[in-house]
Amino acid sequence: MPRFAGCCFLLLLLVSGLDLAYSESQCELVFEYFPYCLEFLTGNYYKPSRRCCGHIYKLNRLANRGLGAQLICWCIEYMVRGTEPRMMADRISELPTKCQTHLSFPISEWMDCNSYV
């Protein structure tokens, strides 16, 4: 019986690892685009770079026509959760104005992305 339980546990780890790897591969574009905005969002720069704003535009398109807002939300959380310095709420709210766009996806470290559609 312990052998069976051990096999089930290993199978569970394997399956959860595959899900995580699959999700990480779906986040590839977010991992490529979003870091350009972190210097602004964490307070290191007073305005977002041109590249950041260009990438926010691309992420908006992906939220509306590709990956979806929920997955982008999850990818951002996965990327920034527990990192220092943390993103500042006022900078997140300023980003759309400073980039002259809107956000089609939420930016947060601790949001229930499953509730965002």
PDB file of N, CA and C in Angstrom:
ATOM      1  N   MET A   1       0.808  -1.207   0.000  1.00  0.00           N
ATOM      2  CA  MET A   1       0.000   0.000   0.000  1.00  0.00           C
ATOM      3  C   MET A   1       0.856   1.278   0.000  1.00  0.00           C
ATOM      4  N   PRO A   2       1.941   1.361   0.825  1.00  0.00           N
ATOM      5  CA  PRO A   2       2.768   2.561   0.772  1.00  0.00           C
ATOM      6  C   PRO A   2       3.371   2.783  -0.614  1.00  0.00           C
ATOM      7  N   ARG A   3       3.651   1.706  -1.295  1.00  0.00           N
ATOM      8  CA  ARG A   3       4.202   1.815  -2.644  1.00  0.00           C
ATOM      9  C   ARG A   3       3.202   2.480  -3.589  1.00  0.00           C
ATOM     10  N   PHE A   4       1.932   2.086  -3.479  1.00  0.00           N
ATOM     11  CA  PHE A   4       0.875   2.658  -4.300  1.00  0.00           C
ATOM     12  C   PHE A   4       0.716   4.151  -4.005  1.00  0.00           C
ATOM     13  N   ALA A   5       0.737   4.511  -2.705  1.00  0.00           N
ATOM     14  CA  ALA A   5       0.606   5.919  -2.315  1.00  0.00           C
ATOM     15  C   ALA A   5       1.777   6.726  -2.862  1.00  0.00           C
ATOM     16  N   GLY A   6       2.978   6.142  -2.800  1.00  0.00           N
ATOM     17  CA  GLY A   6       4.151   6.828  -3.338  1.00  0.00           C
ATOM     18  C   GLY A   6       4.047   7.056  -4.832  1.00  0.00           C
ATOM     19  N   CYS A   7       3.556   6.048  -5.547  1.00  0.00           N
ATOM     20  CA  CYS A   7       3.372   6.195  -6.996  1.00  0.00           C
ATOM     21  C   CYS A   7       2.351   7.267  -7.318  1.00  0.00           C
ATOM     22  N   CYS A   8       1.259   7.294  -6.553  1.00  0.00           N
ATOM     23  CA  CYS A   8       0.220   8.322  -6.766  1.00  0.00           C
ATOM     24  C   CYS A   8       0.790   9.709  -6.516  1.00  0.00           C
ATOM     25  N   PHE A   9       1.596   9.848  -5.455  1.00  0.00           N
ATOM     26  CA  PHE A   9       2.204  11.131  -5.136  1.00  0.00           C
ATOM     27  C   PHE A   9       3.130  11.584  -6.263  1.00  0.00           C
ATOM     28  N   LEU A  10       3.961  10.684  -6.762  1.00  0.00           N
ATOM     29  CA  LEU A  10       4.860  11.025  -7.864  1.00  0.00           C
ATOM     30  C   LEU A  10       4.094  11.397  -9.127  1.00  0.00           C
ATOM     31  N   LEU A  11       3.025  10.682  -9.382  1.00  0.00           N
ATOM     32  CA  LEU A  11       2.200  10.991 -10.540  1.00  0.00           C
ATOM     33  C   LEU A  11       1.586  12.383 -10.401  1.00  0.00           C
ATOM     34  N   LEU A  12       1.126  12.709  -9.202  1.00  0.00           N
ATOM     35  CA  LEU A  12       0.545  14.031  -8.944  1.00  0.00           C
ATOM     36  C   LEU A  12       1.594  15.119  -9.166  1.00  0.00           C
ATOM     37  N   LEU A  13       2.809  14.906  -8.660  1.00  0.00           N
ATOM     38  CA  LEU A  13       3.880  15.880  -8.883  1.00  0.00           C
ATOM     39  C   LEU A  13       4.195  16.051 -10.356  1.00  0.00           C
ATOM     40  N   LEU A  14       4.243  14.954 -11.063  1.00  0.00           N
ATOM     41  CA  LEU A  14       4.537  14.989 -12.491  1.00  0.00           C
ATOM     42  C   LEU A  14       3.470  15.775 -13.247  1.00  0.00           C
ATOM     43  N   VAL A  15       2.212  15.496 -12.962  1.00  0.00           N
ATOM     44  CA  VAL A  15       1.111  16.178 -13.642  1.00  0.00           C
ATOM     45  C   VAL A  15       1.115  17.661 -13.307  1.00  0.00           C
ATOM     46  N   SER A  16       1.303  18.019 -12.032  1.00  0.00           N
ATOM     47  CA  SER A  16       1.308  19.435 -11.669  1.00  0.00           C
ATOM     48  C   SER A  16       2.502  20.142 -12.308  1.00  0.00           C
ATOM     49  N   GLY A  17       3.630  19.469 -12.418  1.00  0.00           N
ATOM     50  CA  GLY A  17       4.795  20.046 -13.080  1.00  0.00           C
ATOM     51  C   GLY A  17       4.553  20.287 -14.551  1.00  0.00           C
ATOM     52  N   LEU A  18       3.849  19.388 -15.208  1.00  0.00           N
ATOM     53  CA  LEU A  18       3.520  19.564 -16.619  1.00  0.00           C
ATOM     54  C   LEU A  18       2.587  20.744 -16.801  1.00  0.00           C
ATOM     55  N   ASP A  19       1.615  20.890 -15.903  1.00  0.00           N
ATOM     56  CA  ASP A  19       0.705  22.033 -15.992  1.00  0.00           C
ATOM     57  C   ASP A  19       1.458  23.336 -15.832  1.00  0.00           C
ATOM     58  N   LEU A  20       2.394  23.377 -14.883  1.00  0.00           N
ATOM     59  CA  LEU A  20       3.168  24.582 -14.661  1.00  0.00           C
ATOM     60  C   LEU A  20       4.032  24.891 -15.877  1.00  0.00           C
ATOM     61  N   ALA A  21       4.688  23.899 -16.435  1.00  0.00           N
ATOM     62  CA  ALA A  21       5.525  24.115 -17.617  1.00  0.00           C
ATOM     63  C   ALA A  21       4.691  24.587 -18.795  1.00  0.00           C
ATOM     64  N   TYR A  22       3.508  23.996 -18.952  1.00  0.00           N
ATOM     65  CA  TYR A  22       2.632  24.411 -20.042  1.00  0.00           C
ATOM     66  C   TYR A  22       2.216  25.857 -19.849  1.00  0.00           C
ATOM     67  N   SER A  23       1.869  26.242 -18.622  1.00  0.00           N
ATOM     68  CA  SER A  23       1.456  27.610 -18.345  1.00  0.00           C
ATOM     69  C   SER A  23       2.607  28.576 -18.547  1.00  0.00           C
ATOM     70  N   GLU A  24       3.816  28.191 -18.136  1.00  0.00           N
ATOM     71  CA  GLU A  24       4.969  29.061 -18.327  1.00  0.00           C
ATOM     72  C   GLU A  24       5.219  29.304 -19.812  1.00  0.00           C
ATOM     73  N   SER A  25       5.033  28.297 -20.628  1.00  0.00           N
ATOM     74  CA  SER A  25       5.242  28.495 -22.057  1.00  0.00           C
ATOM     75  C   SER A  25       4.186  29.433 -22.635  1.00  0.00           C
ATOM     76  N   GLN A  26       2.983  29.413 -22.079  1.00  0.00           N
ATOM     77  CA  GLN A  26       1.948  30.344 -22.534  1.00  0.00           C
ATOM     78  C   GLN A  26       2.281  31.774 -22.137  1.00  0.00           C
ATOM     79  N   CYS A  27       3.075  31.939 -21.097  1.00  0.00           N
ATOM     80  CA  CYS A  27       3.426  33.263 -20.588  1.00  0.00           C
ATOM     81  C   CYS A  27       4.639  33.872 -21.284  1.00  0.00           C
ATOM     82  N   GLU A  28       5.193  33.197 -22.225  1.00  0.00           N
ATOM     83  CA  GLU A  28       6.452  33.619 -22.836  1.00  0.00           C
ATOM     84  C   GLU A  28       6.423  35.080 -23.308  1.00  0.00           C
ATOM     85  N   LEU A  29       5.372  35.489 -23.993  1.00  0.00           N
ATOM     86  CA  LEU A  29       5.300  36.874 -24.479  1.00  0.00           C
ATOM     87  C   LEU A  29       5.155  37.864 -23.330  1.00  0.00           C
ATOM     88  N   VAL A  30       4.400  37.509 -22.311  1.00  0.00           N
ATOM     89  CA  VAL A  30       4.271  38.395 -21.148  1.00  0.00           C
ATOM     90  C   VAL A  30       5.627  38.527 -20.474  1.00  0.00           C
ATOM     91  N   PHE A  31       6.354  37.426 -20.327  1.00  0.00           N
ATOM     92  CA  PHE A  31       7.681  37.470 -19.725  1.00  0.00           C
ATOM     93  C   PHE A  31       8.650  38.291 -20.559  1.00  0.00           C
ATOM     94  N   GLU A  32       8.404  38.363 -21.857  1.00  0.00           N
ATOM     95  CA  GLU A  32       9.252  39.160 -22.736  1.00  0.00           C
ATOM     96  C   GLU A  32       8.878  40.640 -22.687  1.00  0.00           C
ATOM     97  N   TYR A  33       7.592  40.950 -22.682  1.00  0.00           N
ATOM     98  CA  TYR A  33       7.129  42.336 -22.795  1.00  0.00           C
ATOM     99  C   TYR A  33       7.052  43.088 -21.465  1.00  0.00           C
ATOM    100  N   PHE A  34       6.525  42.461 -20.435  1.00  0.00           N
ATOM    101  CA  PHE A  34       6.191  43.189 -19.206  1.00  0.00           C
ATOM    102  C   PHE A  34       7.392  43.731 -18.432  1.00  0.00           C
ATOM    103  N   PRO A  35       8.530  43.051 -18.388  1.00  0.00           N
ATOM    104  CA  PRO A  35       9.656  43.572 -17.593  1.00  0.00           C
ATOM    105  C   PRO A  35      10.093  44.984 -17.963  1.00  0.00           C
ATOM    106  N   TYR A  36       9.830  45.422 -19.182  1.00  0.00           N
ATOM    107  CA  TYR A  36      10.214  46.775 -19.566  1.00  0.00           C
ATOM    108  C   TYR A  36       9.451  47.841 -18.781  1.00  0.00           C
ATOM    109  N   CYS A  37       8.372  47.470 -18.142  1.00  0.00           N
ATOM    110  CA  CYS A  37       7.579  48.419 -17.357  1.00  0.00           C
ATOM    111  C   CYS A  37       7.906  48.365 -15.868  1.00  0.00           C
ATOM    112  N   LEU A  38       8.656  47.395 -15.452  1.00  0.00           N
ATOM    113  CA  LEU A  38       8.899  47.228 -14.019  1.00  0.00           C
ATOM    114  C   LEU A  38       9.698  48.373 -13.407  1.00  0.00           C
ATOM    115  N   GLU A  39      10.622  48.962 -14.134  1.00  0.00           N
ATOM    116  CA  GLU A  39      11.388  50.087 -13.589  1.00  0.00           C
ATOM    117  C   GLU A  39      10.459  51.245 -13.216  1.00  0.00           C
ATOM    118  N   PHE A  40       9.462  51.500 -14.042  1.00  0.00           N
ATOM    119  CA  PHE A  40       8.482  52.534 -13.732  1.00  0.00           C
ATOM    120  C   PHE A  40       7.547  52.078 -12.610  1.00  0.00           C
ATOM    121  N   LEU A  41       7.027  50.876 -12.710  1.00  0.00           N
ATOM    122  CA  LEU A  41       6.036  50.389 -11.748  1.00  0.00           C
ATOM    123  C   LEU A  41       6.589  50.218 -10.337  1.00  0.00           C
ATOM    124  N   THR A  42       7.893  50.023 -10.223  1.00  0.00           N
ATOM    125  CA  THR A  42       8.492  49.889  -8.897  1.00  0.00           C
ATOM    126  C   THR A  42       9.031  51.213  -8.360  1.00  0.00           C
ATOM    127  N   GLY A  43       8.912  52.276  -9.153  1.00  0.00           N
ATOM    128  CA  GLY A  43       9.308  53.597  -8.684  1.00  0.00           C
ATOM    129  C   GLY A  43      10.733  54.001  -9.021  1.00  0.00           C
ATOM    130  N   ASN A  44      11.438  53.212  -9.799  1.00  0.00           N
ATOM    131  CA  ASN A  44      12.820  53.559 -10.149  1.00  0.00           C
ATOM    132  C   ASN A  44      12.902  54.658 -11.205  1.00  0.00           C
ATOM    133  N   TYR A  45      11.933  54.721 -12.115  1.00  0.00           N
ATOM    134  CA  TYR A  45      11.873  55.767 -13.131  1.00  0.00           C
ATOM    135  C   TYR A  45      10.597  56.561 -12.953  1.00  0.00           C
ATOM    136  N   TYR A  46      10.634  57.845 -13.320  1.00  0.00           N
ATOM    137  CA  TYR A  46       9.470  58.704 -13.129  1.00  0.00           C
ATOM    138  C   TYR A  46       8.439  58.574 -14.246  1.00  0.00           C
ATOM    139  N   LYS A  47       8.834  57.972 -15.359  1.00  0.00           N
ATOM    140  CA  LYS A  47       7.877  57.731 -16.435  1.00  0.00           C
ATOM    141  C   LYS A  47       8.217  56.414 -17.118  1.00  0.00           C
ATOM    142  N   PRO A  48       7.217  55.769 -17.712  1.00  0.00           N
ATOM    143  CA  PRO A  48       7.500  54.511 -18.412  1.00  0.00           C
ATOM    144  C   PRO A  48       8.277  54.779 -19.699  1.00  0.00           C
ATOM    145  N   SER A  49       9.115  53.851 -20.062  1.00  0.00           N
ATOM    146  CA  SER A  49       9.890  54.001 -21.288  1.00  0.00           C
ATOM    147  C   SER A  49       8.983  53.823 -22.503  1.00  0.00           C
ATOM    148  N   ARG A  50       9.477  54.279 -23.640  1.00  0.00           N
ATOM    149  CA  ARG A  50       8.734  54.069 -24.896  1.00  0.00           C
ATOM    150  C   ARG A  50       8.499  52.585 -25.144  1.00  0.00           C
ATOM    151  N   ARG A  51       9.523  51.807 -24.846  1.00  0.00           N
ATOM    152  CA  ARG A  51       9.419  50.365 -25.047  1.00  0.00           C
ATOM    153  C   ARG A  51       8.338  49.770 -24.144  1.00  0.00           C
ATOM    154  N   CYS A  52       8.282  50.232 -22.892  1.00  0.00           N
ATOM    155  CA  CYS A  52       7.231  49.777 -21.977  1.00  0.00           C
ATOM    156  C   CYS A  52       5.862  50.066 -22.578  1.00  0.00           C
ATOM    157  N   CYS A  53       5.644  51.281 -23.004  1.00  0.00           N
ATOM    158  CA  CYS A  53       4.335  51.656 -23.558  1.00  0.00           C
ATOM    159  C   CYS A  53       4.015  50.856 -24.816  1.00  0.00           C
ATOM    160  N   GLY A  54       5.019  50.643 -25.655  1.00  0.00           N
ATOM    161  CA  GLY A  54       4.806  49.818 -26.845  1.00  0.00           C
ATOM    162  C   GLY A  54       4.414  48.394 -26.483  1.00  0.00           C
ATOM    163  N   HIS A  55       5.037  47.870 -25.455  1.00  0.00           N
ATOM    164  CA  HIS A  55       4.724  46.510 -25.028  1.00  0.00           C
ATOM    165  C   HIS A  55       3.360  46.426 -24.333  1.00  0.00           C
ATOM    166  N   ILE A  56       2.969  47.491 -23.638  1.00  0.00           N
ATOM    167  CA  ILE A  56       1.622  47.514 -23.042  1.00  0.00           C
ATOM    168  C   ILE A  56       0.582  47.479 -24.167  1.00  0.00           C
ATOM    169  N   TYR A  57       0.845  48.207 -25.240  1.00  0.00           N
ATOM    170  CA  TYR A  57      -0.049  48.156 -26.400  1.00  0.00           C
ATOM    171  C   TYR A  57      -0.155  46.729 -26.938  1.00  0.00           C
ATOM    172  N   LYS A  58       1.000  46.050 -27.066  1.00  0.00           N
ATOM    173  CA  LYS A  58       0.995  44.667 -27.566  1.00  0.00           C
ATOM    174  C   LYS A  58       0.261  43.729 -26.606  1.00  0.00           C
ATOM    175  N   LEU A  59       0.472  43.913 -25.299  1.00  0.00           N
ATOM    176  CA  LEU A  59      -0.223  43.066 -24.324  1.00  0.00           C
ATOM    177  C   LEU A  59      -1.727  43.312 -24.350  1.00  0.00           C
ATOM    178  N   ASN A  60      -2.133  44.562 -24.575  1.00  0.00           N
ATOM    179  CA  ASN A  60      -3.567  44.860 -24.717  1.00  0.00           C
ATOM    180  C   ASN A  60      -4.162  44.093 -25.895  1.00  0.00           C
ATOM    181  N   ARG A  61      -3.447  44.079 -26.998  1.00  0.00           N
ATOM    182  CA  ARG A  61      -3.929  43.323 -28.169  1.00  0.00           C
ATOM    183  C   ARG A  61      -4.016  41.841 -27.862  1.00  0.00           C
ATOM    184  N   LEU A  62      -3.014  41.308 -27.170  1.00  0.00           N
ATOM    185  CA  LEU A  62      -3.039  39.894 -26.796  1.00  0.00           C
ATOM    186  C   LEU A  62      -4.174  39.592 -25.814  1.00  0.00           C
ATOM    187  N   ALA A  63      -4.459  40.530 -24.942  1.00  0.00           N
ATOM    188  CA  ALA A  63      -5.559  40.326 -23.991  1.00  0.00           C
ATOM    189  C   ALA A  63      -6.890  40.253 -24.711  1.00  0.00           C
ATOM    190  N   ASN A  64      -7.038  41.055 -25.750  1.00  0.00           N
ATOM    191  CA  ASN A  64      -8.309  41.112 -26.483  1.00  0.00           C
ATOM    192  C   ASN A  64      -8.432  40.051 -27.571  1.00  0.00           C
ATOM    193  N   ARG A  65      -7.306  39.614 -28.142  1.00  0.00           N
ATOM    194  CA  ARG A  65      -7.388  38.725 -29.302  1.00  0.00           C
ATOM    195  C   ARG A  65      -6.568  37.444 -29.207  1.00  0.00           C
ATOM    196  N   GLY A  66      -5.888  37.239 -28.122  1.00  0.00           N
ATOM    197  CA  GLY A  66      -4.990  36.087 -28.085  1.00  0.00           C
ATOM    198  C   GLY A  66      -5.021  35.367 -26.760  1.00  0.00           C
ATOM    199  N   LEU A  67      -4.125  35.750 -25.895  1.00  0.00           N
ATOM    200  CA  LEU A  67      -3.965  35.060 -24.622  1.00  0.00           C
ATOM    201  C   LEU A  67      -5.151  35.243 -23.687  1.00  0.00           C
ATOM    202  N   GLY A  68      -5.731  36.426 -23.708  1.00  0.00           N
ATOM    203  CA  GLY A  68      -6.824  36.741 -22.797  1.00  0.00           C
ATOM    204  C   GLY A  68      -6.309  37.442 -21.548  1.00  0.00           C
ATOM    205  N   ALA A  69      -7.153  38.282 -20.988  1.00  0.00           N
ATOM    206  CA  ALA A  69      -6.781  39.082 -19.824  1.00  0.00           C
ATOM    207  C   ALA A  69      -6.465  38.215 -18.606  1.00  0.00           C
ATOM    208  N   GLN A  70      -7.193  37.139 -18.443  1.00  0.00           N
ATOM    209  CA  GLN A  70      -7.013  36.281 -17.283  1.00  0.00           C
ATOM    210  C   GLN A  70      -5.618  35.637 -17.283  1.00  0.00           C
ATOM    211  N   LEU A  71      -5.176  35.134 -18.407  1.00  0.00           N
ATOM    212  CA  LEU A  71      -3.857  34.512 -18.479  1.00  0.00           C
ATOM    213  C   LEU A  71      -2.757  35.550 -18.315  1.00  0.00           C
ATOM    214  N   ILE A  72      -2.911  36.718 -18.905  1.00  0.00           N
ATOM    215  CA  ILE A  72      -1.908  37.778 -18.749  1.00  0.00           C
ATOM    216  C   ILE A  72      -1.807  38.173 -17.284  1.00  0.00           C
ATOM    217  N   CYS A  73      -2.936  38.295 -16.612  1.00  0.00           N
ATOM    218  CA  CYS A  73      -2.958  38.589 -15.180  1.00  0.00           C
ATOM    219  C   CYS A  73      -2.164  37.541 -14.420  1.00  0.00           C
ATOM    220  N   TRP A  74      -2.435  36.268 -14.691  1.00  0.00           N
ATOM    221  CA  TRP A  74      -1.748  35.178 -14.006  1.00  0.00           C
ATOM    222  C   TRP A  74      -0.243  35.226 -14.278  1.00  0.00           C
ATOM    223  N   CYS A  75       0.129  35.489 -15.509  1.00  0.00           N
ATOM    224  CA  CYS A  75       1.552  35.532 -15.874  1.00  0.00           C
ATOM    225  C   CYS A  75       2.278  36.655 -15.136  1.00  0.00           C
ATOM    226  N   ILE A  76       1.653  37.822 -15.060  1.00  0.00           N
ATOM    227  CA  ILE A  76       2.262  38.953 -14.352  1.00  0.00           C
ATOM    228  C   ILE A  76       2.426  38.611 -12.880  1.00  0.00           C
ATOM    229  N   GLU A  77       1.383  38.055 -12.279  1.00  0.00           N
ATOM    230  CA  GLU A  77       1.481  37.667 -10.870  1.00  0.00           C
ATOM    231  C   GLU A  77       2.592  36.649 -10.663  1.00  0.00           C
ATOM    232  N   TYR A  78       2.662  35.671 -11.525  1.00  0.00           N
ATOM    233  CA  TYR A  78       3.686  34.633 -11.421  1.00  0.00           C
ATOM    234  C   TYR A  78       5.076  35.256 -11.497  1.00  0.00           C
ATOM    235  N   MET A  79       5.237  36.261 -12.349  1.00  0.00           N
ATOM    236  CA  MET A  79       6.521  36.894 -12.560  1.00  0.00           C
ATOM    237  C   MET A  79       6.942  37.763 -11.367  1.00  0.00           C
ATOM    238  N   VAL A  80       6.020  38.519 -10.778  1.00  0.00           N
ATOM    239  CA  VAL A  80       6.408  39.527  -9.789  1.00  0.00           C
ATOM    240  C   VAL A  80       6.164  39.131  -8.339  1.00  0.00           C
ATOM    241  N   ARG A  81       5.406  38.100  -8.095  1.00  0.00           N
ATOM    242  CA  ARG A  81       5.067  37.749  -6.709  1.00  0.00           C
ATOM    243  C   ARG A  81       6.326  37.468  -5.902  1.00  0.00           C
ATOM    244  N   GLY A  82       6.453  38.206  -4.813  1.00  0.00           N
ATOM    245  CA  GLY A  82       7.571  38.003  -3.899  1.00  0.00           C
ATOM    246  C   GLY A  82       8.860  38.693  -4.285  1.00  0.00           C
ATOM    247  N   THR A  83       8.864  39.434  -5.378  1.00  0.00           N
ATOM    248  CA  THR A  83      10.091  40.129  -5.781  1.00  0.00           C
ATOM    249  C   THR A  83      10.173  41.494  -5.098  1.00  0.00           C
ATOM    250  N   GLU A  84      11.358  42.004  -5.014  1.00  0.00           N
ATOM    251  CA  GLU A  84      11.600  43.334  -4.445  1.00  0.00           C
ATOM    252  C   GLU A  84      12.328  44.170  -5.471  1.00  0.00           C
ATOM    253  N   PRO A  85      12.085  45.438  -5.601  1.00  0.00           N
ATOM    254  CA  PRO A  85      11.022  46.172  -4.930  1.00  0.00           C
ATOM    255  C   PRO A  85       9.658  45.829  -5.514  1.00  0.00           C
ATOM    256  N   ARG A  86       8.648  46.049  -4.748  1.00  0.00           N
ATOM    257  CA  ARG A  86       7.285  45.733  -5.161  1.00  0.00           C
ATOM    258  C   ARG A  86       6.725  46.829  -6.069  1.00  0.00           C
ATOM    259  N   MET A  87       5.745  46.437  -6.877  1.00  0.00           N
ATOM    260  CA  MET A  87       5.069  47.417  -7.727  1.00  0.00           C
ATOM    261  C   MET A  87       4.238  48.351  -6.848  1.00  0.00           C
ATOM    262  N   MET A  88       4.161  49.597  -7.247  1.00  0.00           N
ATOM    263  CA  MET A  88       3.422  50.598  -6.488  1.00  0.00           C
ATOM    264  C   MET A  88       2.046  50.793  -7.119  1.00  0.00           C
ATOM    265  N   ALA A  89       1.014  50.777  -6.285  1.00  0.00           N
ATOM    266  CA  ALA A  89      -0.364  50.887  -6.772  1.00  0.00           C
ATOM    267  C   ALA A  89      -0.586  52.174  -7.555  1.00  0.00           C
ATOM    268  N   ASP A  90      -0.028  53.289  -7.093  1.00  0.00           N
ATOM    269  CA  ASP A  90      -0.226  54.546  -7.814  1.00  0.00           C
ATOM    270  C   ASP A  90       0.437  54.518  -9.187  1.00  0.00           C
ATOM    271  N   ARG A  91       1.551  53.833  -9.300  1.00  0.00           N
ATOM    272  CA  ARG A  91       2.217  53.720 -10.600  1.00  0.00           C
ATOM    273  C   ARG A  91       1.407  52.841 -11.552  1.00  0.00           C
ATOM    274  N   ILE A  92       0.785  51.793 -11.013  1.00  0.00           N
ATOM    275  CA  ILE A  92      -0.061  50.937 -11.854  1.00  0.00           C
ATOM    276  C   ILE A  92      -1.217  51.753 -12.408  1.00  0.00           C
ATOM    277  N   SER A  93      -1.823  52.590 -11.570  1.00  0.00           N
ATOM    278  CA  SER A  93      -2.955  53.399 -12.041  1.00  0.00           C
ATOM    279  C   SER A  93      -2.513  54.503 -12.990  1.00  0.00           C
ATOM    280  N   GLU A  94      -1.262  54.976 -12.896  1.00  0.00           N
ATOM    281  CA  GLU A  94      -0.743  56.010 -13.796  1.00  0.00           C
ATOM    282  C   GLU A  94      -0.336  55.456 -15.157  1.00  0.00           C
ATOM    283  N   LEU A  95      -0.024  54.174 -15.218  1.00  0.00           N
ATOM    284  CA  LEU A  95       0.529  53.593 -16.447  1.00  0.00           C
ATOM    285  C   LEU A  95      -0.340  53.833 -17.678  1.00  0.00           C
ATOM    286  N   PRO A  96      -1.654  53.598 -17.638  1.00  0.00           N
ATOM    287  CA  PRO A  96      -2.448  53.836 -18.848  1.00  0.00           C
ATOM    288  C   PRO A  96      -2.392  55.291 -19.321  1.00  0.00           C
ATOM    289  N   THR A  97      -2.441  56.235 -18.396  1.00  0.00           N
ATOM    290  CA  THR A  97      -2.390  57.649 -18.759  1.00  0.00           C
ATOM    291  C   THR A  97      -1.032  58.012 -19.353  1.00  0.00           C
ATOM    292  N   LYS A  98       0.024  57.577 -18.697  1.00  0.00           N
ATOM    293  CA  LYS A  98       1.365  57.920 -19.169  1.00  0.00           C
ATOM    294  C   LYS A  98       1.686  57.249 -20.503  1.00  0.00           C
ATOM    295  N   CYS A  99       1.057  56.106 -20.777  1.00  0.00           N
ATOM    296  CA  CYS A  99       1.269  55.425 -22.065  1.00  0.00           C
ATOM    297  C   CYS A  99       0.172  55.772 -23.071  1.00  0.00           C
ATOM    298  N   GLN A 100      -0.739  56.645 -22.687  1.00  0.00           N
ATOM    299  CA  GLN A 100      -1.843  57.080 -23.545  1.00  0.00           C
ATOM    300  C   GLN A 100      -2.608  55.897 -24.122  1.00  0.00           C
ATOM    301  N   THR A 101      -3.007  55.001 -23.235  1.00  0.00           N
ATOM    302  CA  THR A 101      -3.756  53.816 -23.626  1.00  0.00           C
ATOM    303  C   THR A 101      -4.645  53.405 -22.463  1.00  0.00           C
ATOM    304  N   HIS A 102      -5.231  52.257 -22.556  1.00  0.00           N
ATOM    305  CA  HIS A 102      -5.990  51.670 -21.454  1.00  0.00           C
ATOM    306  C   HIS A 102      -5.392  50.297 -21.179  1.00  0.00           C
ATOM    307  N   LEU A 103      -5.792  49.719 -20.078  1.00  0.00           N
ATOM    308  CA  LEU A 103      -5.336  48.367 -19.779  1.00  0.00           C
ATOM    309  C   LEU A 103      -6.484  47.401 -19.987  1.00  0.00           C
ATOM    310  N   SER A 104      -6.262  46.409 -20.817  1.00  0.00           N
ATOM    311  CA  SER A 104      -7.273  45.382 -21.060  1.00  0.00           C
ATOM    312  C   SER A 104      -7.058  44.180 -20.145  1.00  0.00           C
ATOM    313  N   PHE A 105      -6.132  44.324 -19.208  1.00  0.00           N
ATOM    314  CA  PHE A 105      -5.799  43.257 -18.269  1.00  0.00           C
ATOM    315  C   PHE A 105      -5.377  43.911 -16.962  1.00  0.00           C
ATOM    316  N   PRO A 106      -5.585  43.239 -15.845  1.00  0.00           N
ATOM    317  CA  PRO A 106      -5.172  43.817 -14.567  1.00  0.00           C
ATOM    318  C   PRO A 106      -3.685  43.587 -14.304  1.00  0.00           C
ATOM    319  N   ILE A 107      -3.095  44.518 -13.590  1.00  0.00           N
ATOM    320  CA  ILE A 107      -1.717  44.372 -13.145  1.00  0.00           C
ATOM    321  C   ILE A 107      -1.758  44.331 -11.627  1.00  0.00           C
ATOM    322  N   SER A 108      -1.310  43.236 -11.074  1.00  0.00           N
ATOM    323  CA  SER A 108      -1.347  43.072  -9.633  1.00  0.00           C
ATOM    324  C   SER A 108      -0.382  41.984  -9.219  1.00  0.00           C
ATOM    325  N   GLU A 109      -0.042  42.011  -7.947  1.00  0.00           N
ATOM    326  CA  GLU A 109       0.779  40.934  -7.400  1.00  0.00           C
ATOM    327  C   GLU A 109      -0.101  39.899  -6.703  1.00  0.00           C
ATOM    328  N   TRP A 110      -1.237  40.338  -6.181  1.00  0.00           N
ATOM    329  CA  TRP A 110      -2.122  39.457  -5.412  1.00  0.00           C
ATOM    330  C   TRP A 110      -3.562  39.675  -5.811  1.00  0.00           C
ATOM    331  N   MET A 111      -3.950  39.223  -6.948  1.00  0.00           N
ATOM    332  CA  MET A 111      -5.329  39.349  -7.408  1.00  0.00           C
ATOM    333  C   MET A 111      -5.825  37.960  -7.781  1.00  0.00           C
ATOM    334  N   ASP A 112      -7.108  37.740  -7.625  1.00  0.00           N
ATOM    335  CA  ASP A 112      -7.677  36.477  -8.071  1.00  0.00           C
ATOM    336  C   ASP A 112      -7.934  36.600  -9.566  1.00  0.00           C
ATOM    337  N   CYS A 113      -6.985  36.167 -10.359  1.00  0.00           N
ATOM    338  CA  CYS A 113      -7.099  36.288 -11.801  1.00  0.00           C
ATOM    339  C   CYS A 113      -8.242  35.442 -12.346  1.00  0.00           C
ATOM    340  N   ASN A 114      -8.638  34.419 -11.625  1.00  0.00           N
ATOM    341  CA  ASN A 114      -9.755  33.569 -12.071  1.00  0.00           C
ATOM    342  C   ASN A 114     -11.062  34.332 -12.097  1.00  0.00           C
ATOM    343  N   SER A 115     -11.169  35.394 -11.297  1.00  0.00           N
ATOM    344  CA  SER A 115     -12.404  36.162 -11.272  1.00  0.00           C
ATOM    345  C   SER A 115     -12.419  37.244 -12.339  1.00  0.00           C
ATOM    346  N   TYR A 116     -11.305  37.424 -13.035  1.00  0.00           N
ATOM    347  CA  TYR A 116     -11.210  38.447 -14.067  1.00  0.00           C
ATOM    348  C   TYR A 116     -11.464  37.813 -15.433  1.00  0.00           C
ATOM    349  N   VAL A 117     -12.428  38.327 -16.123  1.00  0.00           N
ATOM    350  CA  VAL A 117     -12.764  37.767 -17.449  1.00  0.00           C
ATOM    351  C   VAL A 117     -12.578  38.824 -18.512  1.00  0.00           C
TER     352      VAL A 117
END
